[in-house]
């Protein structure tokens, strides 16, 4: 992916990003609050991701360490990284492990908790759903499935944490309703 504002900044596979779409070229005043977005077709091309995907932050793509700093002195926000489901398939965060390198998602040094933004059309819109494997979620019905194209926050507990997605984290079921 390439950002048109900063054309030399590439977003590596496995990173998440917020895409704020204000409509096609016929949208009147697309940057004015309340304007109605006109329909448009978005397309992407390329090879579908498969195999192991090793996360690397967009601002430090030459390293495979998940970003971490203790500069804020607020442990609840330190080490937060926006990751994204890299596959054209739903993945299951319940396959995450910090100790088993053969797990579907291997994340040594991660807290294990993920946070997902609830979109505007859902209950709790604008708030975050939190999920911890084996513990559960603060949102009824969410089971840890992450649809294709969805970004989520992971938290490094210390410097040197890594994140690896594998084919073993893919599932054939699709979340729906409150679970989406």
Protein backbone atom coordinates (compact mmCIF):
# COMPACT_ATOMS: atom_id res chain seq x y z
CA UNK A 1 0.00 0.00 0.00
CA UNK A 2 1.18 3.50 -0.74
CA UNK A 3 0.00 6.76 0.84
CA UNK A 4 -0.62 9.53 -1.73
CA UNK A 5 0.23 12.30 0.75
CA UNK A 6 3.55 10.66 1.54
CA UNK A 7 4.29 8.66 -1.61
CA UNK A 8 7.52 7.19 -0.29
CA UNK A 9 5.87 5.66 2.78
CA UNK A 10 4.83 2.06 2.27
CA UNK A 11 2.61 0.23 4.72
CA UNK A 12 3.94 -3.32 5.22
CA UNK A 13 1.64 -6.33 5.12
CA UNK A 14 0.11 -6.97 8.53
CA UNK A 15 -0.23 -3.30 9.49
CA UNK A 16 -3.64 -1.78 10.05
CA UNK A 17 -4.80 1.65 8.99
CA UNK A 18 -7.97 3.74 9.16
CA UNK A 19 -9.37 4.52 5.73
CA UNK A 20 -11.70 7.52 5.82
CA UNK A 21 -13.58 7.57 2.52
CA UNK A 22 -15.44 10.75 1.64
CA UNK A 23 -16.96 9.62 -1.65
CA UNK A 24 -16.19 9.57 -5.34
CA UNK A 25 -15.11 12.49 -7.55
CA UNK A 26 -18.71 13.74 -7.87
CA UNK A 27 -19.05 14.31 -4.11
CA UNK A 28 -19.79 17.98 -3.45
CA UNK A 29 -17.63 19.47 -0.70
CA UNK A 30 -16.09 16.13 0.36
CA UNK A 31 -14.17 17.72 3.24
CA UNK A 32 -17.17 19.49 4.77
CA UNK A 33 -18.88 17.76 7.66
CA UNK A 34 -22.31 16.48 6.71
CA UNK A 35 -21.71 16.32 2.97
CA UNK A 36 -23.16 13.25 1.32
CA UNK A 37 -20.60 10.89 -0.19
CA UNK A 38 -21.38 9.80 -3.73
CA UNK A 39 -20.82 6.19 -4.66
CA UNK A 40 -17.55 5.11 -6.17
CA UNK A 41 -15.73 1.91 -7.02
CA UNK A 42 -12.53 1.10 -5.19
CA UNK A 43 -10.27 -1.59 -6.54
CA UNK A 44 -6.99 -3.13 -5.56
CA UNK A 45 -4.69 -5.47 -7.37
CA UNK A 46 -1.89 -7.73 -6.34
CA UNK A 47 -1.11 -11.15 -5.01
CA UNK A 48 -3.18 -12.54 -2.15
CA UNK A 49 -1.14 -13.06 1.01
CA UNK A 50 -0.42 -16.59 2.08
CA UNK A 51 2.16 -18.34 4.22
CA UNK A 52 3.83 -16.76 7.22
CA UNK A 53 3.47 -13.00 7.61
CA UNK A 54 5.90 -11.31 10.00
CA UNK A 55 4.65 -7.96 11.29
CA UNK A 56 6.92 -4.92 10.96
CA UNK A 57 5.80 -1.39 11.79
CA UNK A 58 5.38 1.02 8.85
CA UNK A 59 7.78 3.50 10.49
CA UNK A 60 10.47 0.87 11.00
CA UNK A 61 9.97 -1.76 8.26
CA UNK A 62 13.51 -3.10 8.44
CA UNK A 63 12.90 -4.60 11.90
CA UNK A 64 10.47 -7.33 12.88
CA UNK A 65 10.06 -6.03 16.43
CA UNK A 66 6.66 -4.66 17.38
CA UNK A 67 6.98 -1.01 18.42
CA UNK A 68 7.42 -0.25 22.11
CA UNK A 69 8.34 2.76 24.20
CA UNK A 70 7.99 3.59 27.87
CA UNK A 71 8.26 7.33 27.23
CA UNK A 72 4.64 8.10 28.16
CA UNK A 73 4.88 6.65 31.69
CA UNK A 74 1.34 5.32 31.08
CA UNK A 75 1.53 1.53 30.82
CA UNK A 76 -2.02 1.27 29.45
CA UNK A 77 -0.99 2.90 26.15
CA UNK A 78 2.67 1.95 25.83
CA UNK A 79 3.47 -0.60 23.16
CA UNK A 80 0.19 -0.20 21.24
CA UNK A 81 0.53 -1.15 17.56
CA UNK A 82 -2.15 -1.15 14.87
CA UNK A 83 -1.96 -4.51 13.15
CA UNK A 84 -4.27 -5.86 10.48
CA UNK A 85 -5.53 -9.22 9.31
CA UNK A 86 -3.14 -9.87 6.41
CA UNK A 87 -5.17 -12.65 4.78
CA UNK A 88 -8.24 -12.80 2.52
CA UNK A 89 -9.80 -14.95 5.22
CA UNK A 90 -11.06 -14.56 8.77
CA UNK A 91 -8.40 -15.30 11.39
CA UNK A 92 -8.93 -16.50 14.95
CA UNK A 93 -7.10 -14.63 17.72
CA UNK A 94 -7.71 -17.69 19.93
CA UNK A 95 -4.81 -19.34 18.07
CA UNK A 96 -2.43 -16.71 19.58
CA UNK A 97 0.36 -17.85 21.86
CA UNK A 98 3.34 -16.06 23.37
CA UNK A 99 5.21 -19.31 24.02
CA UNK A 100 4.37 -21.79 21.23
CA UNK A 101 6.22 -20.87 18.03
CA UNK A 102 3.96 -23.31 16.11
CA UNK A 103 0.77 -21.48 17.13
CA UNK A 104 -1.48 -19.95 14.47
CA UNK A 105 -0.48 -16.49 15.70
CA UNK A 106 2.82 -16.31 17.54
CA UNK A 107 3.48 -13.19 19.59
CA UNK A 108 6.26 -13.48 22.15
CA UNK A 109 6.33 -10.32 24.24
CA UNK A 110 2.72 -9.34 23.44
CA UNK A 111 0.10 -8.96 26.17
CA UNK A 112 -2.37 -11.13 24.21
CA UNK A 113 -5.17 -8.58 24.43
CA UNK A 114 -6.49 -7.07 21.20
CA UNK A 115 -8.65 -3.98 20.75
CA UNK A 116 -10.98 -3.37 17.81
CA UNK A 117 -12.88 -0.17 17.00
CA UNK A 118 -16.65 -0.62 16.79
CA UNK A 119 -17.82 1.04 13.57
CA UNK A 120 -20.57 3.66 13.44
CA UNK A 121 -23.38 1.25 12.59
CA UNK A 122 -22.88 -1.05 15.60
CA UNK A 123 -23.88 -0.89 19.24
CA UNK A 124 -21.15 0.92 21.16
CA UNK A 125 -20.04 2.75 18.02
CA UNK A 126 -16.82 4.68 18.46
CA UNK A 127 -15.76 2.55 21.43
CA UNK A 128 -13.31 -0.31 21.49
CA UNK A 129 -14.02 -3.99 21.94
CA UNK A 130 -11.32 -5.75 23.94
CA UNK A 131 -10.61 -9.45 23.71
CA UNK A 132 -8.27 -11.80 25.56
CA UNK A 133 -8.06 -15.50 24.53
CA UNK A 134 -9.43 -17.74 27.27
CA UNK A 135 -10.89 -14.76 29.13
CA UNK A 136 -13.37 -13.20 26.73
CA UNK A 137 -14.54 -9.79 25.63
CA UNK A 138 -16.15 -6.65 27.01
CA UNK A 139 -18.71 -6.95 24.16
CA UNK A 140 -21.29 -9.69 24.24
CA UNK A 141 -21.02 -12.00 21.26
CA UNK A 142 -17.42 -11.23 20.24
CA UNK A 143 -15.35 -14.42 20.11
CA UNK A 144 -11.95 -13.33 18.77
CA UNK A 145 -12.59 -13.82 15.04
CA UNK A 146 -11.06 -11.06 12.92
CA UNK A 147 -12.53 -10.67 9.42
CA UNK A 148 -10.37 -10.01 6.38
CA UNK A 149 -9.41 -6.36 6.11
CA UNK A 150 -9.97 -5.53 9.78
CA UNK A 151 -7.34 -3.68 11.79
CA UNK A 152 -6.82 -4.17 15.51
CA UNK A 153 -4.46 -3.03 18.23
CA UNK A 154 -1.94 -5.37 19.85
CA UNK A 155 0.18 -4.34 22.82
CA UNK A 156 3.85 -5.10 23.29
CA UNK A 157 4.57 -5.74 26.95
CA UNK A 158 8.26 -4.86 26.47
CA UNK A 159 10.83 -4.05 23.82
CA UNK A 160 11.66 -6.91 21.45
CA UNK A 161 8.11 -8.28 21.05
CA UNK A 162 7.24 -9.83 17.67
CA UNK A 163 4.09 -10.90 15.83
CA UNK A 164 3.80 -13.68 13.25
CA UNK A 165 0.64 -14.76 11.41
CA UNK A 166 0.51 -18.25 9.87
CA UNK A 167 -1.85 -20.28 7.72
CA UNK A 168 -2.97 -22.07 10.91
CA UNK A 169 -4.82 -19.00 12.20
CA UNK A 170 -7.26 -18.95 9.25
CA UNK A 171 -10.82 -20.15 9.76
CA UNK A 172 -13.64 -20.81 7.31
CA UNK A 173 -16.43 -19.34 9.45
CA UNK A 174 -17.37 -15.68 9.12
CA UNK A 175 -18.42 -13.58 12.12
CA UNK A 176 -21.77 -11.84 11.86
CA UNK A 177 -24.05 -9.64 13.92
CA UNK A 178 -22.56 -8.56 17.26
CA UNK A 179 -19.60 -10.88 16.61
CA UNK A 180 -18.61 -8.83 13.58
